[in-house]
Amino acid sequence: MTKVLDPTNETKPTEIPRVERPSSLKGLTVGLLDISKPRGNRFLDRIEERLTEQGIKVLRFKKPTFTKPAPVDLRHEISTKCDVVIEALAD
């Protein structure tokens, strides 16, 4: 069980069970989430290039700002369209 601490206003840590990682990305859809920090898109461009070279389906998403959590509709879209997600945290 993993504890995730929410820095926004948490009185009790949330316990979230870990999701098992897939053994392969073959046949899966990978979501790439740009959190809108400087140069994060450059990192994701390279990741997308490497994944598509391997025939993996990639979808790109971008948060409006890195200062706030992703909007609910964006999180829903990602969760319904993607099997796994890679998030860019680069500065």
C-alpha atoms as a PDB file:
ATOM      1  CA  MET A   1       0.000   0.000   0.000  1.00  0.00           C
ATOM      2  CA  THR A   2       1.381   3.404  -0.981  1.00  0.00           C
ATOM      3  CA  LYS A   3       0.634   6.570   0.949  1.00  0.00           C
ATOM      4  CA  VAL A   4       0.206   9.666  -1.189  1.00  0.00           C
ATOM      5  CA  LEU A   5       0.512  12.990   0.604  1.00  0.00           C
ATOM      6  CA  ASP A   6      -1.555  15.854  -0.747  1.00  0.00           C
ATOM      7  CA  PRO A   7       0.198  19.177  -0.071  1.00  0.00           C
ATOM      8  CA  THR A   8      -2.951  21.216  -0.758  1.00  0.00           C
ATOM      9  CA  ASN A   9      -4.852  20.523   2.497  1.00  0.00           C
ATOM     10  CA  GLU A  10      -4.685  17.023   3.805  1.00  0.00           C
ATOM     11  CA  THR A  11      -5.629  15.967   7.307  1.00  0.00           C
ATOM     12  CA  LYS A  12      -5.105  12.221   6.796  1.00  0.00           C
ATOM     13  CA  PRO A  13      -2.798  10.569   4.197  1.00  0.00           C
ATOM     14  CA  THR A  14      -4.653   8.822   1.391  1.00  0.00           C
ATOM     15  CA  GLU A  15      -3.845   5.145   0.949  1.00  0.00           C
ATOM     16  CA  ILE A  16      -3.763   4.073  -2.685  1.00  0.00           C
ATOM     17  CA  PRO A  17      -2.906   0.517  -3.707  1.00  0.00           C
ATOM     18  CA  ARG A  18      -0.171   0.262  -6.318  1.00  0.00           C
ATOM     19  CA  VAL A  19      -1.240  -0.722  -9.803  1.00  0.00           C
ATOM     20  CA  GLU A  20       0.889  -3.460 -11.302  1.00  0.00           C
ATOM     21  CA  ARG A  21       3.028  -2.257 -14.195  1.00  0.00           C
ATOM     22  CA  PRO A  22       2.561  -3.977 -17.551  1.00  0.00           C
ATOM     23  CA  SER A  23       5.343  -6.308 -18.617  1.00  0.00           C
ATOM     24  CA  SER A  24       5.291  -4.695 -22.078  1.00  0.00           C
ATOM     25  CA  LEU A  25       3.827  -1.630 -23.775  1.00  0.00           C
ATOM     26  CA  LYS A  26       3.051  -3.606 -26.927  1.00  0.00           C
ATOM     27  CA  GLY A  27      -0.614  -3.203 -27.824  1.00  0.00           C
ATOM     28  CA  LEU A  28      -1.171  -0.526 -25.178  1.00  0.00           C
ATOM     29  CA  THR A  29      -1.932   3.172 -25.565  1.00  0.00           C
ATOM     30  CA  VAL A  30       0.579   5.402 -23.807  1.00  0.00           C
ATOM     31  CA  GLY A  31      -0.524   8.863 -22.700  1.00  0.00           C
ATOM     32  CA  LEU A  32       2.106  11.579 -22.470  1.00  0.00           C
ATOM     33  CA  LEU A  33       1.112  14.356 -20.076  1.00  0.00           C
ATOM     34  CA  ASP A  34       2.877  17.706 -20.359  1.00  0.00           C
ATOM     35  CA  ILE A  35       2.310  19.548 -17.073  1.00  0.00           C
ATOM     36  CA  SER A  36       3.252  22.872 -18.739  1.00  0.00           C
ATOM     37  CA  LYS A  37       6.657  23.321 -17.124  1.00  0.00           C
ATOM     38  CA  PRO A  38       9.428  24.718 -19.315  1.00  0.00           C
ATOM     39  CA  ARG A  39      11.020  22.159 -21.656  1.00  0.00           C
ATOM     40  CA  GLY A  40       8.768  19.304 -20.551  1.00  0.00           C
ATOM     41  CA  ASN A  41       7.494  19.118 -24.120  1.00  0.00           C
ATOM     42  CA  ARG A  42      11.038  18.484 -25.372  1.00  0.00           C
ATOM     43  CA  PHE A  43      11.348  15.475 -23.089  1.00  0.00           C
ATOM     44  CA  LEU A  44       7.971  14.139 -24.219  1.00  0.00           C
ATOM     45  CA  ASP A  45       8.796  14.719 -27.895  1.00  0.00           C
ATOM     46  CA  ARG A  46      11.758  12.366 -27.528  1.00  0.00           C
ATOM     47  CA  ILE A  47       9.760   9.792 -25.580  1.00  0.00           C
ATOM     48  CA  GLU A  48       7.022   9.907 -28.238  1.00  0.00           C
ATOM     49  CA  GLU A  49       9.609   9.429 -30.974  1.00  0.00           C
ATOM     50  CA  ARG A  50      11.101   6.374 -29.274  1.00  0.00           C
ATOM     51  CA  LEU A  51       7.704   4.808 -28.536  1.00  0.00           C
ATOM     52  CA  THR A  52       6.309   5.320 -32.041  1.00  0.00           C
ATOM     53  CA  GLU A  53       9.495   3.792 -33.493  1.00  0.00           C
ATOM     54  CA  GLN A  54       8.460   0.647 -31.614  1.00  0.00           C
ATOM     55  CA  GLY A  55       4.913   0.795 -33.016  1.00  0.00           C
ATOM     56  CA  ILE A  56       3.335   1.911 -29.738  1.00  0.00           C
ATOM     57  CA  LYS A  57       0.258   4.144 -29.919  1.00  0.00           C
ATOM     58  CA  VAL A  58       0.873   7.495 -28.195  1.00  0.00           C
ATOM     59  CA  LEU A  59      -1.597  10.226 -27.231  1.00  0.00           C
ATOM     60  CA  ARG A  60      -0.478  13.680 -26.041  1.00  0.00           C
ATOM     61  CA  PHE A  61      -2.133  15.761 -23.344  1.00  0.00           C
ATOM     62  CA  LYS A  62      -1.265  19.071 -21.689  1.00  0.00           C
ATOM     63  CA  LYS A  63      -2.322  20.661 -18.424  1.00  0.00           C
ATOM     64  CA  PRO A  64      -3.280  24.350 -18.652  1.00  0.00           C
ATOM     65  CA  THR A  65      -0.786  25.209 -15.885  1.00  0.00           C
ATOM     66  CA  PHE A  66       1.700  23.382 -13.680  1.00  0.00           C
ATOM     67  CA  THR A  67       0.542  25.310 -10.618  1.00  0.00           C
ATOM     68  CA  LYS A  68      -2.736  23.419 -10.234  1.00  0.00           C
ATOM     69  CA  PRO A  69      -3.874  19.798 -10.506  1.00  0.00           C
ATOM     70  CA  ALA A  70      -5.064  18.629 -13.922  1.00  0.00           C
ATOM     71  CA  PRO A  71      -8.726  19.504 -14.544  1.00  0.00           C
ATOM     72  CA  VAL A  72     -11.212  16.692 -13.909  1.00  0.00           C
ATOM     73  CA  ASP A  73     -12.206  16.491 -17.583  1.00  0.00           C
ATOM     74  CA  LEU A  74      -8.566  16.091 -18.643  1.00  0.00           C
ATOM     75  CA  ARG A  75      -7.960  13.372 -16.052  1.00  0.00           C
ATOM     76  CA  HIS A  76     -11.102  11.590 -17.207  1.00  0.00           C
ATOM     77  CA  GLU A  77     -10.051  11.780 -20.865  1.00  0.00           C
ATOM     78  CA  ILE A  78      -6.618  10.369 -20.072  1.00  0.00           C
ATOM     79  CA  SER A  79      -8.026   7.568 -17.922  1.00  0.00           C
ATOM     80  CA  THR A  80     -10.515   6.493 -20.590  1.00  0.00           C
ATOM     81  CA  LYS A  81      -8.130   6.652 -23.562  1.00  0.00           C
ATOM     82  CA  CYS A  82      -4.811   5.425 -22.132  1.00  0.00           C
ATOM     83  CA  ASP A  83      -3.479   2.252 -20.554  1.00  0.00           C
ATOM     84  CA  VAL A  84      -0.389   3.931 -19.053  1.00  0.00           C
ATOM     85  CA  VAL A  85       0.778   7.533 -18.624  1.00  0.00           C
ATOM     86  CA  ILE A  86       4.164   9.223 -18.640  1.00  0.00           C
ATOM     87  CA  GLU A  87       4.244  12.681 -17.081  1.00  0.00           C
ATOM     88  CA  ALA A  88       6.894  15.304 -17.900  1.00  0.00           C
ATOM     89  CA  LEU A  89       8.259  17.119 -14.871  1.00  0.00           C
ATOM     90  CA  ALA A  90      11.256  18.794 -16.544  1.00  0.00           C
ATOM     91  CA  ASP A  91      12.260  22.408 -15.969  1.00  0.00           C
END
